[in-house]
Amino acid sequence: MVREARGRRRRERPRQLTDVRPGFSERQAQRKRRYFAIMGPALVLIVLAWNVVRLYSVTAAVVMSAVAAVLPPVAAIVANRHEDR
């Protein structure tokens, strides 16, 4: 364990004993986690924008929708990025 500035601890990554890339299933799982980590907030933004926020401000709902519209391509690019580069 390594101490950080604020007293919190973070785990050290285990040392790799080989230069072999992780297996396909591990890489696929990592890509899915990244994709859903970005798409989850996009879905939340759309649902909140048109079910809650529009009651108070249509402009804010449209802005939230615009942000949510940008996230799917970003999620695809991030999820399909290769680790080798």
Protein backbone atom coordinates (compact mmCIF):
# COMPACT_ATOMS: atom_id res chain seq x y z
CA MET A 1 0.00 0.00 0.00
CA VAL A 2 1.11 3.53 -0.75
CA ARG A 3 -0.04 6.60 1.14
CA GLU A 4 -1.38 9.55 -0.77
CA ALA A 5 -1.28 13.18 0.31
CA ARG A 6 -4.68 13.20 2.02
CA GLY A 7 -4.10 10.08 4.07
CA ARG A 8 -6.10 7.82 1.78
CA ARG A 9 -4.54 4.63 0.64
CA ARG A 10 -4.42 3.32 -2.87
CA ARG A 11 -3.45 -0.11 -3.99
CA GLU A 12 -0.31 -0.65 -5.94
CA ARG A 13 -0.70 -2.50 -9.18
CA PRO A 14 0.83 -5.94 -9.05
CA ARG A 15 4.00 -6.21 -11.07
CA GLN A 16 3.74 -8.00 -14.35
CA LEU A 17 6.10 -10.87 -14.79
CA THR A 18 5.64 -11.02 -18.53
CA ASP A 19 5.11 -8.77 -21.51
CA VAL A 20 2.16 -10.83 -22.77
CA ARG A 21 -1.01 -8.82 -23.27
CA PRO A 22 -4.08 -9.68 -21.20
CA GLY A 23 -6.38 -12.23 -22.79
CA PHE A 24 -9.16 -11.32 -25.20
CA SER A 25 -11.90 -11.83 -22.63
CA GLU A 26 -10.17 -9.52 -20.15
CA ARG A 27 -9.73 -6.84 -22.80
CA GLN A 28 -13.35 -7.26 -23.89
CA ALA A 29 -14.58 -6.92 -20.30
CA GLN A 30 -12.50 -3.76 -19.86
CA ARG A 31 -13.96 -2.28 -23.06
CA LYS A 32 -17.51 -3.06 -21.90
CA ARG A 33 -16.89 -1.42 -18.52
CA ARG A 34 -15.59 1.73 -20.21
CA TYR A 35 -18.51 1.84 -22.62
CA PHE A 36 -21.15 1.42 -19.94
CA ALA A 37 -19.38 3.88 -17.63
CA ILE A 38 -19.95 6.55 -20.29
CA MET A 39 -23.33 5.40 -21.58
CA GLY A 40 -24.85 5.14 -18.10
CA PRO A 41 -24.67 8.88 -17.47
CA ALA A 42 -25.98 9.54 -21.00
CA LEU A 43 -29.08 7.52 -20.24
CA VAL A 44 -29.51 9.24 -16.87
CA LEU A 45 -29.18 12.66 -18.53
CA ILE A 46 -31.90 11.90 -21.09
CA VAL A 47 -34.30 10.45 -18.53
CA LEU A 48 -33.80 13.30 -16.07
CA ALA A 49 -33.94 15.96 -18.78
CA TRP A 50 -37.34 14.98 -20.13
CA ASN A 51 -39.00 13.68 -16.98
CA VAL A 52 -37.85 16.14 -14.33
CA VAL A 53 -35.83 19.10 -15.59
CA ARG A 54 -38.21 20.07 -18.42
CA LEU A 55 -40.81 20.94 -15.79
CA TYR A 56 -38.52 23.70 -14.53
CA SER A 57 -36.49 24.71 -17.59
CA VAL A 58 -36.88 23.49 -21.16
CA THR A 59 -33.57 25.14 -22.05
CA ALA A 60 -31.73 23.10 -19.42
CA ALA A 61 -33.43 19.94 -20.68
CA VAL A 62 -32.30 20.68 -24.24
CA VAL A 63 -28.72 21.33 -23.05
CA MET A 64 -28.73 18.07 -21.08
CA SER A 65 -29.99 16.27 -24.18
CA ALA A 66 -27.26 17.82 -26.30
CA VAL A 67 -24.61 16.63 -23.85
CA ALA A 68 -26.19 13.17 -23.82
CA ALA A 69 -26.16 13.13 -27.65
CA VAL A 70 -22.39 13.69 -27.69
CA LEU A 71 -21.64 10.85 -25.27
CA PRO A 72 -22.45 7.78 -27.46
CA PRO A 73 -19.76 8.50 -30.08
CA VAL A 74 -17.29 9.32 -27.32
CA ALA A 75 -18.15 6.04 -25.58
CA ALA A 76 -17.58 4.09 -28.80
CA ILE A 77 -14.23 5.78 -29.43
CA VAL A 78 -13.03 5.23 -25.86
CA ALA A 79 -14.21 1.62 -25.75
CA ASN A 80 -12.56 0.77 -29.07
CA ARG A 81 -9.26 2.45 -28.28
CA HIS A 82 -6.35 0.03 -28.34
CA GLU A 83 -4.14 -0.33 -25.29
CA ASP A 84 -1.03 -0.81 -27.44
CA ARG A 85 -0.84 2.79 -28.59
